[in-house]
C-alpha atoms as a PDB file:
ATOM      1  CA  MET A   1      31.367  -3.727   8.204  1.00  0.00           C
ATOM      2  CA  GLN A   2      32.404  -0.322   7.023  1.00  0.00           C
ATOM      3  CA  LEU A   3      30.651   3.053   6.824  1.00  0.00           C
ATOM      4  CA  ARG A   4      31.897   5.158   3.925  1.00  0.00           C
ATOM      5  CA  LYS A   5      30.787   7.981   1.675  1.00  0.00           C
ATOM      6  CA  MET A   6      28.461   6.974  -1.145  1.00  0.00           C
ATOM      7  CA  THR A   7      29.708   7.335  -4.718  1.00  0.00           C
ATOM      8  CA  ALA A   8      27.903   7.361  -8.058  1.00  0.00           C
ATOM      9  CA  ALA A   9      29.034   3.749  -8.522  1.00  0.00           C
ATOM     10  CA  ASP A  10      26.936   2.796  -5.466  1.00  0.00           C
ATOM     11  CA  VAL A  11      23.639   4.213  -6.712  1.00  0.00           C
ATOM     12  CA  ASP A  12      22.306   1.056  -8.372  1.00  0.00           C
ATOM     13  CA  ALA A  13      22.978  -1.066  -5.259  1.00  0.00           C
ATOM     14  CA  VAL A  14      21.437   1.582  -2.991  1.00  0.00           C
ATOM     15  CA  LEU A  15      18.430   1.879  -5.296  1.00  0.00           C
ATOM     16  CA  ALA A  16      17.921  -1.901  -5.170  1.00  0.00           C
ATOM     17  CA  VAL A  17      17.741  -1.784  -1.359  1.00  0.00           C
ATOM     18  CA  GLU A  18      15.487   1.297  -1.461  1.00  0.00           C
ATOM     19  CA  GLN A  19      13.026  -0.420  -3.815  1.00  0.00           C
ATOM     20  CA  GLN A  20      13.047  -3.549  -1.667  1.00  0.00           C
ATOM     21  CA  ILE A  21      12.111  -1.804   1.582  1.00  0.00           C
ATOM     22  CA  HIS A  22      10.064   1.332   0.812  1.00  0.00           C
ATOM     23  CA  SER A  23       6.529   1.449  -0.579  1.00  0.00           C
ATOM     24  CA  HIS A  24       7.255   4.776  -2.320  1.00  0.00           C
ATOM     25  CA  PRO A  25      11.001   4.575  -3.016  1.00  0.00           C
ATOM     26  CA  TRP A  26      13.333   7.313  -4.116  1.00  0.00           C
ATOM     27  CA  THR A  27      14.307   7.197  -7.781  1.00  0.00           C
ATOM     28  CA  ARG A  28      17.766   6.799  -9.247  1.00  0.00           C
ATOM     29  CA  GLY A  29      17.594  10.508 -10.072  1.00  0.00           C
ATOM     30  CA  ASN A  30      16.868  11.360  -6.426  1.00  0.00           C
ATOM     31  CA  PHE A  31      20.048   9.602  -5.332  1.00  0.00           C
ATOM     32  CA  ILE A  32      22.118  11.192  -8.117  1.00  0.00           C
ATOM     33  CA  ASP A  33      20.727  14.603  -7.130  1.00  0.00           C
ATOM     34  CA  ALA A  34      21.662  13.947  -3.492  1.00  0.00           C
ATOM     35  CA  LEU A  35      25.215  13.048  -4.484  1.00  0.00           C
ATOM     36  CA  ASN A  36      25.512  16.178  -6.623  1.00  0.00           C
ATOM     37  CA  SER A  37      24.141  18.487  -3.920  1.00  0.00           C
ATOM     38  CA  ALA A  38      25.229  19.405  -0.410  1.00  0.00           C
ATOM     39  CA  SER A  39      23.711  16.186   0.953  1.00  0.00           C
ATOM     40  CA  LEU A  40      25.812  13.849   3.066  1.00  0.00           C
ATOM     41  CA  CYS A  41      25.467  10.380   1.540  1.00  0.00           C
ATOM     42  CA  TRP A  42      26.715   7.276   3.334  1.00  0.00           C
ATOM     43  CA  VAL A  43      26.681   3.530   2.744  1.00  0.00           C
ATOM     44  CA  HIS A  44      27.460   0.543   4.943  1.00  0.00           C
ATOM     45  CA  GLU A  45      29.269  -2.324   3.272  1.00  0.00           C
ATOM     46  CA  GLN A  46      29.510  -5.917   4.391  1.00  0.00           C
ATOM     47  CA  ASN A  47      31.585  -8.344   2.327  1.00  0.00           C
ATOM     48  CA  ASN A  48      31.766  -5.781  -0.508  1.00  0.00           C
ATOM     49  CA  GLU A  49      27.974  -5.534  -0.618  1.00  0.00           C
ATOM     50  CA  ILE A  50      25.983  -2.424   0.299  1.00  0.00           C
ATOM     51  CA  VAL A  51      23.590  -3.402   3.076  1.00  0.00           C
ATOM     52  CA  ALA A  52      22.541   0.032   4.365  1.00  0.00           C
ATOM     53  CA  TYR A  53      22.607   3.693   3.421  1.00  0.00           C
ATOM     54  CA  ALA A  54      21.655   7.129   4.688  1.00  0.00           C
ATOM     55  CA  ILE A  55      21.144  10.529   3.085  1.00  0.00           C
ATOM     56  CA  LEU A  56      21.356  13.637   5.286  1.00  0.00           C
ATOM     57  CA  LEU A  57      21.022  17.304   4.496  1.00  0.00           C
ATOM     58  CA  ALA A  58      22.985  19.887   6.444  1.00  0.00           C
ATOM     59  CA  ALA A  59      21.311  23.240   7.128  1.00  0.00           C
ATOM     60  CA  LEU A  60      23.370  25.592   9.292  1.00  0.00           C
ATOM     61  CA  ASP A  61      23.840  23.689  12.568  1.00  0.00           C
ATOM     62  CA  GLU A  62      21.201  20.999  11.911  1.00  0.00           C
ATOM     63  CA  LEU A  63      21.157  17.742  10.003  1.00  0.00           C
ATOM     64  CA  GLU A  64      18.001  16.292   8.514  1.00  0.00           C
ATOM     65  CA  LEU A  65      17.926  12.556   7.901  1.00  0.00           C
ATOM     66  CA  LEU A  66      16.187  12.441   4.518  1.00  0.00           C
ATOM     67  CA  ASP A  67      16.392   8.719   3.784  1.00  0.00           C
ATOM     68  CA  ILE A  68      17.788   5.665   5.507  1.00  0.00           C
ATOM     69  CA  GLY A  69      17.522   2.001   4.683  1.00  0.00           C
ATOM     70  CA  VAL A  70      18.767  -1.407   5.696  1.00  0.00           C
ATOM     71  CA  ALA A  71      18.509  -4.356   3.306  1.00  0.00           C
ATOM     72  CA  ARG A  72      15.644  -6.638   4.301  1.00  0.00           C
ATOM     73  CA  ALA A  73      18.003  -9.588   4.924  1.00  0.00           C
ATOM     74  CA  GLN A  74      20.005  -7.451   7.390  1.00  0.00           C
ATOM     75  CA  GLN A  75      17.065  -6.023   9.336  1.00  0.00           C
ATOM     76  CA  GLY A  76      16.660  -6.981  12.982  1.00  0.00           C
ATOM     77  CA  LYS A  77      20.413  -7.490  13.486  1.00  0.00           C
ATOM     78  CA  GLY A  78      21.229  -4.098  14.996  1.00  0.00           C
ATOM     79  CA  LEU A  79      22.643  -2.549  11.825  1.00  0.00           C
ATOM     80  CA  GLY A  80      20.114   0.298  11.744  1.00  0.00           C
ATOM     81  CA  LYS A  81      20.936   1.266  15.328  1.00  0.00           C
ATOM     82  CA  ARG A  82      24.664   0.989  14.670  1.00  0.00           C
ATOM     83  CA  MET A  83      24.380   3.158  11.586  1.00  0.00           C
ATOM     84  CA  LEU A  84      22.353   5.799  13.442  1.00  0.00           C
ATOM     85  CA  GLN A  85      24.940   5.854  16.223  1.00  0.00           C
ATOM     86  CA  GLU A  86      27.743   6.304  13.683  1.00  0.00           C
ATOM     87  CA  LEU A  87      25.854   9.152  12.001  1.00  0.00           C
ATOM     88  CA  ILE A  88      25.299  10.791  15.389  1.00  0.00           C
ATOM     89  CA  SER A  89      29.028  10.488  16.147  1.00  0.00           C
ATOM     90  CA  LEU A  90      29.863  12.111  12.800  1.00  0.00           C
ATOM     91  CA  ALA A  91      27.370  14.900  13.523  1.00  0.00           C
ATOM     92  CA  HIS A  92      28.932  15.500  16.952  1.00  0.00           C
ATOM     93  CA  ALA A  93      32.398  15.643  15.393  1.00  0.00           C
ATOM     94  CA  GLN A  94      31.194  18.287  12.930  1.00  0.00           C
ATOM     95  CA  ASN A  95      29.532  20.370  15.683  1.00  0.00           C
ATOM     96  CA  PHE A  96      25.934  20.016  14.545  1.00  0.00           C
ATOM     97  CA  LYS A  97      23.365  20.887  17.236  1.00  0.00           C
ATOM     98  CA  ARG A  98      20.569  18.482  16.337  1.00  0.00           C
ATOM     99  CA  MET A  99      19.386  15.863  13.875  1.00  0.00           C
ATOM    100  CA  LEU A 100      15.811  15.816  12.564  1.00  0.00           C
ATOM    101  CA  LEU A 101      13.788  13.198  10.710  1.00  0.00           C
ATOM    102  CA  GLU A 102      10.279  12.273   9.654  1.00  0.00           C
ATOM    103  CA  VAL A 103       8.958   8.723   9.985  1.00  0.00           C
ATOM    104  CA  ARG A 104       5.673   7.186   8.893  1.00  0.00           C
ATOM    105  CA  GLN A 105       3.240   6.996  11.782  1.00  0.00           C
ATOM    106  CA  SER A 106       2.584   3.339  10.874  1.00  0.00           C
ATOM    107  CA  ASN A 107       6.292   2.377  10.937  1.00  0.00           C
ATOM    108  CA  ALA A 108       6.398   1.115  14.519  1.00  0.00           C
ATOM    109  CA  ALA A 109       9.743  -0.674  14.095  1.00  0.00           C
ATOM    110  CA  ALA A 110      11.532   2.451  12.852  1.00  0.00           C
ATOM    111  CA  ARG A 111       9.906   4.643  15.492  1.00  0.00           C
ATOM    112  CA  ALA A 112      11.023   2.230  18.226  1.00  0.00           C
ATOM    113  CA  LEU A 113      14.566   2.224  16.822  1.00  0.00           C
ATOM    114  CA  TYR A 114      14.684   6.021  16.790  1.00  0.00           C
ATOM    115  CA  VAL A 115      13.416   6.240  20.379  1.00  0.00           C
ATOM    116  CA  LYS A 116      15.913   3.579  21.495  1.00  0.00           C
ATOM    117  CA  THR A 117      18.686   5.608  19.837  1.00  0.00           C
ATOM    118  CA  GLY A 118      17.654   8.779  21.665  1.00  0.00           C
ATOM    119  CA  PHE A 119      15.288  10.606  19.306  1.00  0.00           C
ATOM    120  CA  THR A 120      12.171  12.264  20.709  1.00  0.00           C
ATOM    121  CA  GLN A 121       8.943  13.241  18.995  1.00  0.00           C
ATOM    122  CA  ILE A 122       8.584  16.996  18.457  1.00  0.00           C
ATOM    123  CA  GLY A 123       5.750  17.230  15.962  1.00  0.00           C
ATOM    124  CA  LEU A 124       3.363  15.749  13.432  1.00  0.00           C
ATOM    125  CA  ARG A 125       3.004  16.479   9.712  1.00  0.00           C
ATOM    126  CA  ARG A 126      -0.486  15.588   8.552  1.00  0.00           C
ATOM    127  CA  GLY A 127      -0.734  13.837   5.190  1.00  0.00           C
ATOM    128  CA  TYR A 128       3.025  13.946   4.614  1.00  0.00           C
ATOM    129  CA  TYR A 129       3.568  10.497   3.081  1.00  0.00           C
ATOM    130  CA  PRO A 130       1.759   9.015   0.075  1.00  0.00           C
ATOM    131  CA  LEU A 131      -0.222   5.807   0.481  1.00  0.00           C
ATOM    132  CA  ALA A 132      -1.873   3.635  -2.146  1.00  0.00           C
ATOM    133  CA  GLY A 133      -5.261   5.077  -1.180  1.00  0.00           C
ATOM    134  CA  GLY A 134      -4.415   8.458   0.295  1.00  0.00           C
ATOM    135  CA  ARG A 135      -1.885  10.041   2.621  1.00  0.00           C
ATOM    136  CA  GLU A 136      -0.262   9.152   5.948  1.00  0.00           C
ATOM    137  CA  ASP A 137       0.943  11.376   8.774  1.00  0.00           C
ATOM    138  CA  ALA A 138       4.633  11.739   9.605  1.00  0.00           C
ATOM    139  CA  ILE A 139       6.036  11.851  13.111  1.00  0.00           C
ATOM    140  CA  VAL A 140       8.766  14.513  13.339  1.00  0.00           C
ATOM    141  CA  MET A 141      11.616  13.516  15.646  1.00  0.00           C
ATOM    142  CA  GLU A 142      14.839  15.109  16.814  1.00  0.00           C
ATOM    143  CA  TYR A 143      18.076  14.103  18.451  1.00  0.00           C
ATOM    144  CA  GLN A 144      19.799  16.822  20.489  1.00  0.00           C
ATOM    145  CA  LEU A 145      23.527  16.727  19.751  1.00  0.00           C
ATOM    146  CA  GLU A 146      24.721  19.318  22.255  1.00  0.00           C
END
């Protein structure tokens, strides 16, 4: 497996994973915008196939994890944890102080992964995520890099 920077040629494969795993997925335009902005966009390849991705936004000495995904067929195999650890290593190398993220309150698997990786809950954003019949709260988490 290999972590590398995302390119425009990767967008369709990333979008396919995004649509497979998220109830309210990013659009193709969202990914293109991320690539064309200051966002840090990464993909994980296995056998020339994109199986995971992450989009981060740098703001001064902080990174915000905006979107992350692992293809459904690859979930539960440790790839999400490995990818998070690689992103944390990259953040350390670039002297960031902390990494932030929001996660759906109902996403117990992701929350457990973040805690296992070293993230801690620092807040709650009420009604942050859309649901079919309303809104869902987001848990705000951070990882201290210093």
